[in-house]
């Protein structure tokens, strides 16, 4: 551990340290500025027997407010990389840095794996150009025993918690001024780039470092907004961001940009001479208190966010009393439905729906024996065809979209479908039952499908199809308009 005088308080702050060292050198020299200007004055014999004075410091005068860049410009020897004692980061900075690094790696790997699992992924998916390679090198279903989707979501929330705590720490420790960007910083950056010696120009490197810090803040903000918009579709943020497809594209693009960002950030830190700072720690009481205060602010906010996210939306099933049960004929005009309280569920990736988002209104009633559900949604392009046949001069032809039929991804000549998943798991959804990396093309010795339950979970899937199951009751004498799978 290091005390006062062993390095800057943060990885990028060394101005105050240089000032302290210069003050200490002047104090050890045994002369004031007044003494140096009157050395020729004759002194009594008794005053001349003193220790030999040390040579004057080569550092520039820093009695006033002088920036680190000015010190380095006037005296390159002030570079802390040449000092005997290497700079150290504050304890809270080191903890926050490595926590964000670990969470970012987990979030990026799990997010890329989710992206590769999309059917329409040009590189991944079951039929993408690199799908077979990704299938071999990517984690299947879980990482460290945690479902990939759950790992991605919760690592994202944890990353936001750490980032928010760090911002609060910066404010409490009054360190935010070190991240200000001025026109002078931009001029120094441009001068360094045009000089041809950018990697040896400390002021230009510092300005570039500050801009890179702000780039990371922007990246995290964009990922937080787009990720939260997709996670909570019910808040209807996706339309404000240009639709679901645009939101997902922006989210994925910025996530991939984090890879070159990390490389650039590391290179700049290396040439600026602060690469190893984050591996070393110092403790200052003021910064410890600022970190604890930041935690005190962030923890209640994180707890409230978690509890709010855990509250499920409740569908009230009304008991049928003195009213006939609804007839399963697809006609929503039964009187009992007007008495049932609806719940709207917003779904994503609704093919052919505006913005690929569709709102499903759900109602339910109970007659003591059966539960009756009604699902309604707007569909401007109702599809009642599934690979229709067309008679031609050469015979009957199956209408289909080229390549889509072979890839089992037909969306033009296909019927409307709706799937409902009913489970006893609290807030259970695809996040717990979807196992990425397992599909119908997987080897036979792997899990039997993309959806399956574990650890005693129960799940019941209903699958309605506008052609094949509409209307099952008339054709097969079965109750209901859906396949109970």
Protein backbone atom coordinates (compact mmCIF):
# COMPACT_ATOMS: atom_id res chain seq x y z
CA UNK A 1 0.00 0.00 0.00
CA UNK A 2 1.14 3.53 -0.60
CA UNK A 3 0.56 6.67 1.39
CA UNK A 4 0.83 10.30 0.51
CA UNK A 5 3.42 11.12 -2.13
CA UNK A 6 3.48 7.67 -3.78
CA UNK A 7 1.45 8.47 -6.86
CA UNK A 8 -1.64 10.13 -8.27
CA UNK A 9 -5.03 9.67 -6.73
CA UNK A 10 -6.46 8.28 -9.96
CA UNK A 11 -4.83 6.59 -12.99
CA UNK A 12 -4.87 9.82 -14.99
CA UNK A 13 -4.05 12.38 -12.25
CA UNK A 14 -0.40 13.17 -11.68
CA UNK A 15 -0.39 16.98 -11.62
CA UNK A 16 -0.84 17.24 -7.88
CA UNK A 17 1.84 14.59 -7.31
CA UNK A 18 4.37 16.52 -9.41
CA UNK A 19 3.64 19.69 -7.45
CA UNK A 20 4.16 17.92 -4.13
CA UNK A 21 7.48 16.45 -5.29
CA UNK A 22 8.71 19.87 -6.50
CA UNK A 23 7.75 21.48 -3.18
CA UNK A 24 9.62 18.74 -1.37
CA UNK A 25 12.72 19.22 -3.53
CA UNK A 26 12.77 22.99 -2.93
CA UNK A 27 12.35 22.41 0.79
CA UNK A 28 15.28 19.96 0.88
CA UNK A 29 17.51 22.36 -1.07
CA UNK A 30 17.71 24.62 2.03
CA UNK A 31 17.24 27.86 0.06
CA UNK A 32 14.31 30.09 -0.61
CA UNK A 33 13.84 32.16 -3.75
CA UNK A 34 15.06 35.24 -1.80
CA UNK A 35 18.27 33.47 -0.80
CA UNK A 36 19.03 32.62 -4.41
CA UNK A 37 18.86 36.25 -5.51
CA UNK A 38 21.22 37.57 -2.79
CA UNK A 39 24.00 34.99 -2.70
CA UNK A 40 26.72 37.63 -3.30
CA UNK A 41 26.02 39.54 -0.03
CA UNK A 42 28.96 39.09 2.37
CA UNK A 43 28.13 37.23 5.55
CA UNK A 44 29.92 36.95 8.90
CA UNK A 45 32.45 34.17 9.17
CA UNK A 46 30.16 32.22 11.50
CA UNK A 47 27.40 32.16 8.91
CA UNK A 48 29.55 30.69 6.16
CA UNK A 49 29.98 27.26 7.70
CA UNK A 50 26.90 25.50 6.42
CA UNK A 51 26.35 22.33 4.43
CA UNK A 52 26.96 22.55 0.69
CA UNK A 53 23.79 23.50 -1.11
CA UNK A 54 22.22 21.05 -3.50
CA UNK A 55 21.86 21.91 -7.18
CA UNK A 56 18.74 23.76 -8.21
CA UNK A 57 15.78 21.67 -9.30
CA UNK A 58 15.41 21.24 -13.04
CA UNK A 59 11.65 21.30 -12.77
CA UNK A 60 9.82 24.48 -13.81
CA UNK A 61 8.40 26.79 -11.17
CA UNK A 62 4.95 25.46 -10.11
CA UNK A 63 3.87 27.87 -7.39
CA UNK A 64 0.72 28.76 -9.32
CA UNK A 65 -1.80 26.52 -11.04
CA UNK A 66 0.10 24.72 -13.80
CA UNK A 67 -1.37 21.87 -15.79
CA UNK A 68 0.32 18.52 -16.23
CA UNK A 69 0.58 19.10 -19.96
CA UNK A 70 2.51 22.37 -19.47
CA UNK A 71 4.92 20.71 -17.06
CA UNK A 72 5.62 17.90 -19.52
CA UNK A 73 6.04 20.35 -22.39
CA UNK A 74 8.64 22.44 -20.51
CA UNK A 75 10.41 19.51 -18.92
CA UNK A 76 10.05 16.00 -20.37
CA UNK A 77 12.02 14.68 -17.40
CA UNK A 78 8.93 15.29 -15.28
CA UNK A 79 7.45 12.19 -16.91
CA UNK A 80 6.37 9.95 -14.06
CA UNK A 81 7.61 6.89 -15.94
CA UNK A 82 11.14 8.09 -15.16
CA UNK A 83 10.40 8.56 -11.45
CA UNK A 84 11.60 6.06 -8.90
CA UNK A 85 8.14 5.49 -7.46
CA UNK A 86 5.47 4.34 -9.93
CA UNK A 87 1.95 5.79 -9.81
CA UNK A 88 -0.84 3.91 -8.10
CA UNK A 89 -4.62 3.97 -8.40
CA UNK A 90 -7.01 4.50 -5.54
CA UNK A 91 -8.45 1.28 -4.11
CA UNK A 92 -12.01 2.07 -5.17
CA UNK A 93 -10.85 2.88 -8.72
CA UNK A 94 -9.07 -0.47 -9.01
CA UNK A 95 -12.04 -2.44 -7.68
CA UNK A 96 -14.48 -0.64 -9.98
CA UNK A 97 -12.20 -1.02 -13.01
CA UNK A 98 -11.74 -4.78 -12.69
CA UNK A 99 -15.37 -5.38 -11.74
CA UNK A 100 -16.51 -3.56 -14.89
CA UNK A 101 -13.91 -5.46 -16.94
CA UNK A 102 -15.11 -8.86 -15.73
CA UNK A 103 -18.79 -8.01 -16.16
CA UNK A 104 -18.13 -6.55 -19.61
CA UNK A 105 -16.42 -9.75 -20.75
CA UNK A 106 -19.30 -11.92 -19.48
CA UNK A 107 -21.90 -9.62 -21.01
CA UNK A 108 -20.12 -9.39 -24.35
CA UNK A 109 -19.57 -13.15 -24.72
CA UNK A 110 -23.13 -14.04 -23.73
CA UNK A 111 -24.55 -11.26 -25.92
CA UNK A 112 -22.58 -12.36 -28.97
CA UNK A 113 -23.73 -15.94 -28.38
CA UNK A 114 -27.36 -14.80 -28.25
CA UNK A 115 -26.87 -12.84 -31.47
CA UNK A 116 -25.30 -15.79 -33.24
CA UNK A 117 -28.29 -17.90 -32.26
CA UNK A 118 -30.77 -15.82 -34.27
CA UNK A 119 -32.14 -17.65 -37.27
CA UNK A 120 -31.59 -14.62 -39.53
CA UNK A 121 -28.03 -13.97 -38.34
CA UNK A 122 -25.87 -13.62 -41.49
CA UNK A 123 -22.89 -15.19 -39.74
CA UNK A 124 -24.31 -17.33 -36.97
CA UNK A 125 -27.65 -19.06 -36.73
CA UNK A 126 -28.30 -22.54 -37.99
CA UNK A 127 -27.45 -21.72 -41.61
CA UNK A 128 -25.15 -18.66 -41.33
CA UNK A 129 -21.78 -18.48 -43.06
CA UNK A 130 -19.95 -19.24 -39.80
CA UNK A 131 -22.80 -21.05 -38.07
CA UNK A 132 -21.03 -24.40 -37.95
CA UNK A 133 -17.85 -22.82 -36.54
CA UNK A 134 -19.73 -20.82 -33.93
CA UNK A 135 -21.62 -23.96 -32.94
CA UNK A 136 -18.32 -25.66 -32.10
CA UNK A 137 -16.54 -22.84 -30.25
CA UNK A 138 -19.48 -21.14 -28.54
CA UNK A 139 -20.89 -22.05 -25.13
CA UNK A 140 -24.01 -24.19 -25.34
CA UNK A 141 -27.03 -23.34 -23.21
CA UNK A 142 -25.08 -22.15 -20.13
CA UNK A 143 -21.90 -20.50 -18.89
CA UNK A 144 -20.65 -21.39 -15.42
CA UNK A 145 -23.92 -23.27 -14.94
CA UNK A 146 -26.05 -20.17 -15.63
CA UNK A 147 -28.45 -19.87 -18.55
CA UNK A 148 -26.88 -17.65 -21.22
CA UNK A 149 -29.87 -15.33 -21.43
CA UNK A 150 -30.07 -14.89 -17.66
CA UNK A 151 -26.31 -14.36 -17.51
CA UNK A 152 -26.50 -11.66 -20.17
CA UNK A 153 -29.37 -9.80 -18.47
CA UNK A 154 -28.02 -9.89 -14.94
CA UNK A 155 -24.43 -9.11 -15.92
CA UNK A 156 -25.81 -6.05 -17.72
CA UNK A 157 -27.66 -4.90 -14.60
CA UNK A 158 -24.55 -5.52 -12.49
CA UNK A 159 -22.41 -3.56 -14.97
CA UNK A 160 -24.79 -0.61 -14.76
CA UNK A 161 -24.68 -0.81 -10.96
CA UNK A 162 -20.87 -0.69 -10.89
CA UNK A 163 -20.75 2.11 -13.49
CA UNK A 164 -23.31 4.14 -11.55
CA UNK A 165 -21.41 3.59 -8.31
CA UNK A 166 -18.18 4.72 -9.97
CA UNK A 167 -19.81 7.89 -11.30
CA UNK A 168 -21.12 8.67 -7.82
CA UNK A 169 -17.62 8.09 -6.45
CA UNK A 170 -16.12 10.48 -9.00
CA UNK A 171 -18.59 13.17 -7.96
CA UNK A 172 -18.11 12.62 -4.22
CA UNK A 173 -14.30 12.61 -4.52
CA UNK A 174 -14.38 15.75 -6.70
CA UNK A 175 -12.47 13.96 -9.46
CA UNK A 176 -14.78 14.80 -12.35
CA UNK A 177 -12.73 17.87 -13.31
CA UNK A 178 -10.01 15.57 -14.60
CA UNK A 179 -12.35 14.40 -17.35
CA UNK A 180 -13.22 17.82 -18.73
CA UNK A 181 -12.51 18.36 -22.42
CA UNK A 182 -11.58 21.88 -23.54
CA UNK A 183 -10.70 23.45 -26.86
CA UNK A 184 -7.10 23.51 -25.71
CA UNK A 185 -7.22 19.71 -25.30
CA UNK A 186 -8.52 19.33 -28.84
CA UNK A 187 -5.83 21.65 -30.21
CA UNK A 188 -3.12 19.65 -28.44
CA UNK A 189 -4.56 16.43 -29.82
CA UNK A 190 -4.58 17.78 -33.37
CA UNK A 191 -1.07 19.18 -32.96
CA UNK A 192 0.15 15.78 -31.80
CA UNK A 193 -1.51 13.98 -34.69
CA UNK A 194 -0.10 16.41 -37.26
CA UNK A 195 3.39 16.42 -35.77
CA UNK A 196 4.08 12.84 -36.73
CA UNK A 197 5.20 12.08 -33.17
CA UNK A 198 1.83 11.45 -31.56
CA UNK A 199 2.94 8.46 -29.48
CA UNK A 200 5.70 10.56 -27.86
CA UNK A 201 3.56 13.66 -27.34
CA UNK A 202 2.27 13.50 -23.76
CA UNK A 203 -0.26 16.36 -23.99
CA UNK A 204 -1.75 14.82 -27.15
CA UNK A 205 -1.86 11.37 -25.52
CA UNK A 206 -3.61 12.78 -22.46
CA UNK A 207 -6.24 14.52 -24.60
CA UNK A 208 -6.80 11.29 -26.52
CA UNK A 209 -7.18 9.39 -23.25
CA UNK A 210 -9.87 11.77 -22.02
CA UNK A 211 -11.79 11.48 -25.29
CA UNK A 212 -11.57 7.67 -25.06
CA UNK A 213 -13.00 7.82 -21.53
CA UNK A 214 -15.97 9.80 -22.81
CA UNK A 215 -16.39 7.34 -25.68
CA UNK A 216 -16.77 4.53 -23.16
CA UNK A 217 -19.40 6.55 -21.27
CA UNK A 218 -21.36 7.05 -24.50
CA UNK A 219 -21.08 3.36 -25.40
CA UNK A 220 -22.37 2.24 -22.00
CA UNK A 221 -25.24 4.73 -22.16
CA UNK A 222 -26.29 3.54 -25.65
CA UNK A 223 -26.10 -0.12 -24.61
CA UNK A 224 -28.09 0.59 -21.45
CA UNK A 225 -30.88 2.42 -23.26
CA UNK A 226 -31.20 -0.02 -26.18
CA UNK A 227 -30.82 -3.09 -23.97
CA UNK A 228 -33.41 -1.88 -21.47
CA UNK A 229 -35.79 -0.98 -24.31
CA UNK A 230 -35.63 -4.56 -25.63
CA UNK A 231 -35.77 -6.07 -22.15
CA UNK A 232 -38.87 -4.10 -21.14
CA UNK A 233 -40.92 -3.90 -24.32
CA UNK A 234 -43.94 -2.97 -22.22
CA UNK A 235 -42.42 0.48 -21.59
CA UNK A 236 -42.75 1.18 -25.34
CA UNK A 237 -39.30 2.69 -25.75
CA UNK A 238 -38.53 0.69 -28.90
CA UNK A 239 -40.75 2.78 -31.24
CA UNK A 240 -38.97 5.92 -30.05
CA UNK A 241 -35.66 4.36 -31.06
CA UNK A 242 -36.74 3.50 -34.60
CA UNK A 243 -38.31 0.09 -34.08
CA UNK A 244 -37.18 -3.26 -32.76
CA UNK A 245 -34.86 -4.14 -35.66
CA UNK A 246 -33.07 -0.77 -35.52
CA UNK A 247 -32.74 -0.97 -31.73
CA UNK A 248 -31.27 -4.46 -31.91
CA UNK A 249 -28.85 -3.45 -34.70
CA UNK A 250 -27.59 -0.42 -32.75
CA UNK A 251 -27.23 -2.50 -29.59
CA UNK A 252 -25.21 -5.20 -31.36
CA UNK A 253 -23.04 -2.75 -33.33
CA UNK A 254 -22.01 -0.73 -30.28
CA UNK A 255 -21.31 -3.97 -28.37
CA UNK A 256 -18.90 -5.12 -31.08
CA UNK A 257 -17.24 -1.69 -31.10
CA UNK A 258 -16.22 -2.32 -27.49
CA UNK A 259 -13.58 -4.78 -28.73
CA UNK A 260 -11.47 -2.22 -30.66
CA UNK A 261 -12.20 0.32 -27.90
CA UNK A 262 -10.51 -1.90 -25.29
CA UNK A 263 -7.47 -2.30 -27.56
CA UNK A 264 -7.22 1.46 -28.17
CA UNK A 265 -7.67 2.26 -24.48
CA UNK A 266 -4.88 -0.16 -23.51
CA UNK A 267 -2.46 1.18 -26.14
CA UNK A 268 -3.02 4.79 -25.11
CA UNK A 269 -2.48 3.92 -21.45
CA UNK A 270 0.74 2.12 -22.34
CA UNK A 271 2.27 5.01 -24.29
CA UNK A 272 1.11 7.56 -21.74
CA UNK A 273 2.87 5.55 -19.05
CA UNK A 274 -0.16 4.59 -16.97
CA UNK A 275 -0.74 1.02 -18.13
CA UNK A 276 0.43 -0.62 -14.89
CA UNK A 277 -1.21 1.97 -12.62
CA UNK A 278 -4.48 0.05 -12.37
CA UNK A 279 -2.57 -3.00 -11.08
CA UNK A 280 -1.26 -1.06 -8.08
CA UNK A 281 -3.26 0.29 -5.18
CA UNK A 282 -3.06 3.13 -2.72
CA UNK A 283 -5.52 4.02 0.03
CA UNK A 284 -6.54 7.54 0.96
CA UNK A 285 -9.14 8.20 3.60
CA UNK A 286 -10.98 10.81 1.53
CA UNK A 287 -11.38 8.42 -1.39
CA UNK A 288 -12.45 5.53 0.82
CA UNK A 289 -15.19 7.70 2.32
CA UNK A 290 -16.24 8.84 -1.17
CA UNK A 291 -16.48 5.21 -2.31
CA UNK A 292 -18.57 4.20 0.70
CA UNK A 293 -20.89 7.16 0.11
CA UNK A 294 -21.25 6.13 -3.54
CA UNK A 295 -22.21 2.61 -2.48
CA UNK A 296 -24.73 4.05 -0.05
CA UNK A 297 -26.36 5.92 -2.94
CA UNK A 298 -26.22 3.11 -5.52
CA UNK A 299 -27.35 0.16 -3.39
CA UNK A 300 -30.89 1.44 -2.61
CA UNK A 301 -31.39 2.34 -6.28
CA UNK A 302 -30.24 -1.13 -7.37
CA UNK A 303 -32.47 -2.84 -4.80
CA UNK A 304 -35.50 -0.81 -5.88
CA UNK A 305 -34.82 -1.62 -9.54
CA UNK A 306 -34.57 -5.35 -8.78
CA UNK A 307 -37.76 -5.42 -6.73
CA UNK A 308 -39.65 -3.47 -9.40
CA UNK A 309 -38.46 -5.89 -12.07
CA UNK A 310 -39.57 -8.89 -10.00
CA UNK A 311 -43.19 -7.69 -9.77
CA UNK A 312 -45.18 -9.77 -12.28
CA UNK A 313 -48.12 -8.47 -14.25
CA UNK A 314 -51.18 -10.32 -13.01
CA UNK A 315 -53.95 -11.71 -15.18
CA UNK A 316 -57.15 -11.97 -13.13
CA UNK A 317 -59.20 -15.05 -14.09
CA UNK A 318 -62.88 -14.21 -13.55
CA UNK A 319 -65.21 -16.90 -12.22
CA UNK A 320 -68.25 -17.48 -14.45
CA UNK A 321 -71.48 -16.97 -12.49
CA UNK A 322 -74.97 -16.99 -14.08
CA UNK A 323 -73.42 -16.37 -17.48
CA UNK A 324 -72.89 -18.99 -20.22
CA UNK A 325 -69.34 -20.11 -20.81
CA UNK A 326 -67.77 -18.75 -24.00
CA UNK A 327 -68.12 -20.81 -27.16
CA UNK A 328 -64.80 -21.75 -28.74
CA UNK A 329 -65.62 -20.54 -32.23
CA UNK A 330 -63.26 -17.60 -32.65
CA UNK A 331 -66.04 -15.06 -32.14
CA UNK A 332 -65.04 -12.59 -29.37
CA UNK A 333 -68.60 -11.28 -28.89
CA UNK A 334 -69.54 -13.66 -26.04
CA UNK A 335 -70.96 -11.55 -23.15
CA UNK A 336 -68.58 -13.05 -20.59
CA UNK A 337 -65.52 -11.59 -22.33
CA UNK A 338 -66.77 -8.06 -21.66
CA UNK A 339 -66.62 -8.82 -17.92
CA UNK A 340 -63.05 -10.19 -17.98
CA UNK A 341 -60.15 -7.85 -17.15
CA UNK A 342 -57.60 -7.74 -20.00
CA UNK A 343 -53.82 -7.75 -19.82
CA UNK A 344 -51.69 -6.65 -22.77
CA UNK A 345 -48.41 -8.41 -23.51
CA UNK A 346 -46.03 -6.80 -25.98
CA UNK A 347 -44.11 -9.32 -28.10
CA UNK A 348 -41.06 -8.82 -30.34
CA UNK A 349 -39.97 -10.39 -33.63
CA UNK A 350 -43.56 -10.56 -34.84
CA UNK A 351 -43.00 -11.33 -38.52
CA UNK A 352 -44.88 -9.06 -40.94
CA UNK A 353 -46.15 -6.90 -38.05
CA UNK A 354 -45.36 -3.15 -38.11
CA UNK A 355 -41.94 -2.73 -36.53
CA UNK A 356 -41.90 -6.48 -35.83
CA UNK A 357 -43.71 -5.74 -32.56
CA UNK A 358 -47.22 -6.92 -31.69
CA UNK A 359 -49.47 -6.29 -28.67
CA UNK A 360 -51.41 -9.37 -27.53
CA UNK A 361 -54.49 -8.73 -25.36
CA UNK A 362 -55.25 -11.65 -23.04
CA UNK A 363 -58.46 -12.40 -21.14
CA UNK A 364 -59.39 -15.48 -19.10
CA UNK A 365 -62.46 -16.87 -17.33
CA UNK A 366 -63.10 -19.99 -15.24
CA UNK A 367 -66.27 -22.07 -14.94
CA UNK A 368 -65.16 -24.36 -12.12
CA UNK A 369 -63.83 -27.02 -14.49
CA UNK A 370 -62.11 -25.29 -17.39
CA UNK A 371 -60.12 -22.10 -17.90
CA UNK A 372 -60.98 -20.26 -21.13
CA UNK A 373 -58.46 -17.90 -22.73
CA UNK A 374 -58.96 -15.27 -25.39
CA UNK A 375 -56.02 -13.82 -27.33
CA UNK A 376 -56.49 -10.84 -29.63
CA UNK A 377 -54.07 -8.75 -31.69
CA UNK A 378 -54.12 -6.43 -34.67
CA UNK A 379 -52.94 -8.02 -37.91
CA UNK A 380 -53.03 -5.85 -41.02
CA UNK A 381 -51.75 -8.79 -43.08
CA UNK A 382 -53.72 -11.85 -42.04
CA UNK A 383 -52.11 -14.98 -43.53
CA UNK A 384 -54.30 -17.97 -44.36
CA UNK A 385 -51.96 -19.78 -46.70
CA UNK A 386 -49.23 -22.32 -46.15
CA UNK A 387 -47.22 -23.37 -49.16
CA UNK A 388 -50.23 -23.07 -51.50
CA UNK A 389 -50.30 -24.99 -54.77
CA UNK A 390 -50.55 -23.29 -58.16
CA UNK A 391 -51.44 -25.20 -61.33
CA UNK A 392 -49.09 -24.53 -64.22
CA UNK A 393 -48.59 -26.00 -67.68
CA UNK A 394 -45.94 -28.27 -66.24
CA UNK A 395 -48.10 -29.39 -63.33
CA UNK A 396 -48.71 -28.29 -59.77
CA UNK A 397 -46.15 -25.92 -58.26
CA UNK A 398 -45.57 -25.24 -54.57
CA UNK A 399 -45.35 -21.50 -53.97
CA UNK A 400 -42.47 -20.58 -51.70
CA UNK A 401 -39.67 -18.05 -51.24
CA UNK A 402 -36.33 -19.21 -52.70
CA UNK A 403 -33.95 -20.52 -50.01
CA UNK A 404 -36.46 -19.79 -47.24
CA UNK A 405 -38.16 -23.16 -47.74
CA UNK A 406 -34.84 -25.03 -47.49
CA UNK A 407 -33.92 -23.09 -44.34
CA UNK A 408 -37.34 -23.61 -42.71
CA UNK A 409 -37.80 -19.83 -42.58
CA UNK A 410 -40.74 -19.17 -44.90
CA UNK A 411 -42.57 -15.95 -43.98
CA UNK A 412 -44.43 -15.05 -47.19
CA UNK A 413 -46.33 -18.20 -48.12
CA UNK A 414 -47.07 -19.22 -44.57
CA UNK A 415 -49.85 -19.14 -41.99
CA UNK A 416 -50.24 -16.97 -38.90
CA UNK A 417 -49.27 -18.68 -35.67
CA UNK A 418 -49.34 -17.94 -31.96
CA UNK A 419 -47.52 -19.76 -29.16
CA UNK A 420 -48.40 -19.54 -25.47
CA UNK A 421 -46.17 -20.87 -22.73
CA UNK A 422 -47.76 -21.62 -19.34
CA UNK A 423 -45.46 -22.45 -16.43
CA UNK A 424 -45.37 -22.57 -12.66
CA UNK A 425 -42.03 -20.73 -12.58
CA UNK A 426 -42.26 -17.16 -11.29
CA UNK A 427 -41.67 -14.79 -14.19
CA UNK A 428 -40.78 -17.90 -16.19
CA UNK A 429 -40.12 -17.27 -19.84
CA UNK A 430 -37.66 -18.03 -22.58
CA UNK A 431 -34.93 -16.73 -20.28
CA UNK A 432 -35.20 -19.97 -18.29
CA UNK A 433 -36.45 -22.46 -20.88
CA UNK A 434 -34.58 -21.34 -24.03
CA UNK A 435 -31.25 -23.12 -24.31
CA UNK A 436 -29.14 -21.44 -26.95
CA UNK A 437 -26.99 -23.72 -29.03
CA UNK A 438 -29.44 -26.61 -29.14
CA UNK A 439 -31.79 -26.89 -32.10
CA UNK A 440 -33.18 -29.33 -34.60
CA UNK A 441 -29.80 -29.46 -36.36
CA UNK A 442 -27.88 -30.39 -33.23
CA UNK A 443 -26.33 -33.87 -32.84
CA UNK A 444 -28.67 -36.50 -31.51
CA UNK A 445 -26.68 -36.90 -28.30
CA UNK A 446 -27.32 -33.29 -27.29
CA UNK A 447 -30.45 -31.87 -25.64
CA UNK A 448 -33.62 -32.65 -27.50
CA UNK A 449 -34.62 -29.11 -28.41
CA UNK A 450 -34.23 -25.37 -27.99
CA UNK A 451 -36.99 -25.29 -25.35
CA UNK A 452 -36.95 -27.62 -22.38
CA UNK A 453 -37.41 -27.40 -18.63
CA UNK A 454 -35.03 -28.39 -15.84
CA UNK A 455 -35.00 -28.84 -12.07
CA UNK A 456 -38.62 -29.89 -11.72
CA UNK A 457 -40.05 -27.03 -13.78
CA UNK A 458 -43.32 -27.53 -15.62
CA UNK A 459 -44.17 -25.88 -18.90
CA UNK A 460 -47.21 -26.25 -21.15
CA UNK A 461 -46.99 -24.92 -24.73
CA UNK A 462 -50.12 -24.13 -26.74
CA UNK A 463 -49.64 -23.55 -30.45
CA UNK A 464 -52.37 -21.98 -32.58
CA UNK A 465 -52.07 -22.11 -36.39
CA UNK A 466 -54.46 -20.32 -38.70
CA UNK A 467 -54.54 -23.19 -41.26
CA UNK A 468 -53.74 -26.44 -39.47
CA UNK A 469 -55.64 -25.89 -36.20
CA UNK A 470 -58.30 -23.33 -37.10
CA UNK A 471 -60.82 -24.75 -36.41
CA UNK A 472 -59.91 -28.08 -34.76
CA UNK A 473 -63.28 -28.51 -33.08
CA UNK A 474 -65.20 -28.79 -36.37
CA UNK A 475 -62.74 -31.18 -37.96
CA UNK A 476 -61.75 -33.50 -35.14
CA UNK A 477 -64.32 -32.95 -32.44
CA UNK A 478 -61.69 -31.65 -30.08
CA UNK A 479 -62.22 -28.71 -27.72
CA UNK A 480 -60.06 -25.66 -28.25
CA UNK A 481 -58.40 -23.88 -31.10
CA UNK A 482 -54.83 -24.84 -30.35
CA UNK A 483 -52.46 -27.76 -30.23
CA UNK A 484 -51.73 -28.62 -26.61
CA UNK A 485 -48.10 -29.69 -26.84
